[in-house]
């Protein structure tokens, strides 16, 4: 037999895990959304950095090859495809070369040379 409650007492059930489930589910959804947004921010930051490097490489190719920025962009993109090197990395190599920090790898140099109006990358 259940224990009788006094008439003036109000009974409130003890909270259980299932009572908090909607809040817990919402919190998990919020955490997933935060992780997703943090990932997007990271990807956007990387894209901005990559675009800046590619723009600098285009400038190097424009100066060396005496071509338009569009032609220089095409030369970098085609070099990337033909050498199977990511565009961002080709751009890094070209910028380092343009600053006199390193030589262009032979495959990159050959592909870019094919696309330049002047063939003086040696």
Protein backbone atom coordinates (compact mmCIF):
# COMPACT_ATOMS: atom_id res chain seq x y z
CA UNK A 1 0.00 0.00 0.00
CA UNK A 2 1.43 3.42 -0.98
CA UNK A 3 2.39 5.84 1.71
CA UNK A 4 -0.39 8.41 2.15
CA UNK A 5 0.46 12.01 1.37
CA UNK A 6 -0.75 14.87 3.46
CA UNK A 7 -3.63 16.73 1.84
CA UNK A 8 -1.81 20.08 1.78
CA UNK A 9 1.41 18.75 0.20
CA UNK A 10 1.93 19.02 -3.53
CA UNK A 11 3.56 16.06 -5.14
CA UNK A 12 6.12 16.58 -7.85
CA UNK A 13 7.64 13.65 -9.64
CA UNK A 14 11.37 13.12 -9.46
CA UNK A 15 12.97 14.13 -12.74
CA UNK A 16 14.22 11.24 -14.83
CA UNK A 17 16.63 11.00 -17.74
CA UNK A 18 13.73 10.80 -20.18
CA UNK A 19 12.39 14.10 -18.82
CA UNK A 20 15.66 15.81 -19.80
CA UNK A 21 15.89 14.08 -23.18
CA UNK A 22 14.50 16.92 -25.31
CA UNK A 23 17.03 19.32 -23.76
CA UNK A 24 19.87 16.83 -24.18
CA UNK A 25 18.94 16.21 -27.80
CA UNK A 26 18.83 19.96 -28.42
CA UNK A 27 22.23 20.36 -26.78
CA UNK A 28 23.71 17.60 -28.97
CA UNK A 29 22.21 19.23 -32.05
CA UNK A 30 23.72 22.56 -30.99
CA UNK A 31 27.14 20.94 -30.49
CA UNK A 32 26.91 19.32 -33.93
CA UNK A 33 25.98 22.68 -35.45
CA UNK A 34 28.88 24.39 -33.68
CA UNK A 35 31.32 21.74 -34.95
CA UNK A 36 29.92 22.13 -38.47
CA UNK A 37 30.28 25.93 -38.34
CA UNK A 38 33.82 25.68 -36.95
CA UNK A 39 34.71 23.36 -39.82
CA UNK A 40 33.24 25.81 -42.33
CA UNK A 41 35.18 28.71 -40.82
CA UNK A 42 38.40 26.68 -41.02
CA UNK A 43 37.74 25.80 -44.66
CA UNK A 44 36.98 29.43 -45.51
CA UNK A 45 40.17 30.60 -43.81
CA UNK A 46 42.17 28.05 -45.81
CA UNK A 47 40.43 29.15 -49.03
CA UNK A 48 41.28 32.80 -48.40
CA UNK A 49 44.94 31.89 -47.80
CA UNK A 50 45.01 29.71 -50.92
CA UNK A 51 43.43 32.44 -53.05
CA UNK A 52 46.00 34.96 -51.85
CA UNK A 53 48.85 32.59 -52.78
CA UNK A 54 47.31 31.87 -56.20
CA UNK A 55 46.87 35.60 -56.84
CA UNK A 56 50.54 36.18 -56.01
CA UNK A 57 51.58 33.36 -58.37
CA UNK A 58 49.43 34.88 -61.12
CA UNK A 59 51.32 38.14 -60.57
CA UNK A 60 54.66 36.36 -60.94
CA UNK A 61 53.57 34.66 -64.16
CA UNK A 62 52.13 37.91 -65.54
CA UNK A 63 55.44 39.68 -64.89
CA UNK A 64 57.65 36.91 -66.25
CA UNK A 65 55.49 35.82 -69.16
CA UNK A 66 54.14 39.18 -70.19
CA UNK A 67 50.63 37.84 -70.36
CA UNK A 68 47.24 38.77 -69.03
CA UNK A 69 46.11 37.64 -65.57
CA UNK A 70 43.58 35.34 -67.25
CA UNK A 71 46.32 33.69 -69.32
CA UNK A 72 48.52 33.37 -66.23
CA UNK A 73 45.67 31.79 -64.27
CA UNK A 74 45.10 29.32 -67.12
CA UNK A 75 48.84 28.53 -67.19
CA UNK A 76 48.85 27.78 -63.47
CA UNK A 77 45.67 25.69 -63.66
CA UNK A 78 46.92 23.69 -66.66
CA UNK A 79 50.31 23.19 -64.99
CA UNK A 80 48.51 21.87 -61.93
CA UNK A 81 46.46 19.44 -64.01
CA UNK A 82 49.38 18.23 -66.14
CA UNK A 83 51.71 17.69 -63.19
CA UNK A 84 49.01 16.33 -60.89
CA UNK A 85 50.03 18.86 -58.24
CA UNK A 86 47.39 20.84 -56.38
CA UNK A 87 46.96 24.36 -57.70
CA UNK A 88 47.71 25.82 -54.27
CA UNK A 89 51.05 23.97 -54.17
CA UNK A 90 51.98 25.00 -57.73
CA UNK A 91 51.25 28.59 -56.69
CA UNK A 92 53.47 28.23 -53.60
CA UNK A 93 56.31 26.91 -55.78
CA UNK A 94 55.95 29.75 -58.29
CA UNK A 95 55.86 32.42 -55.58
CA UNK A 96 58.93 30.95 -53.85
CA UNK A 97 60.70 30.87 -57.23
CA UNK A 98 59.64 34.45 -57.95
CA UNK A 99 61.12 35.56 -54.63
CA UNK A 100 64.38 33.78 -55.45
CA UNK A 101 63.94 31.32 -52.60
CA UNK A 102 64.06 28.14 -54.69
CA UNK A 103 64.18 26.68 -58.16
CA UNK A 104 61.04 25.41 -59.81
CA UNK A 105 60.84 21.62 -59.97
CA UNK A 106 61.59 20.48 -63.53
CA UNK A 107 58.05 19.24 -64.25
CA UNK A 108 56.47 22.49 -63.07
CA UNK A 109 59.07 24.62 -64.89
CA UNK A 110 58.57 22.69 -68.13
CA UNK A 111 54.78 22.94 -68.00
CA UNK A 112 54.77 26.66 -67.22
CA UNK A 113 57.43 27.32 -69.89
CA UNK A 114 55.19 25.72 -72.49
CA UNK A 115 52.54 28.25 -71.69
CA UNK A 116 54.64 31.40 -71.50
CA UNK A 117 55.19 33.78 -74.38
CA UNK A 118 58.84 34.03 -73.29
CA UNK A 119 60.68 30.81 -72.51
CA UNK A 120 63.20 32.19 -69.97
CA UNK A 121 62.41 30.40 -66.72
CA UNK A 122 65.87 28.76 -66.55
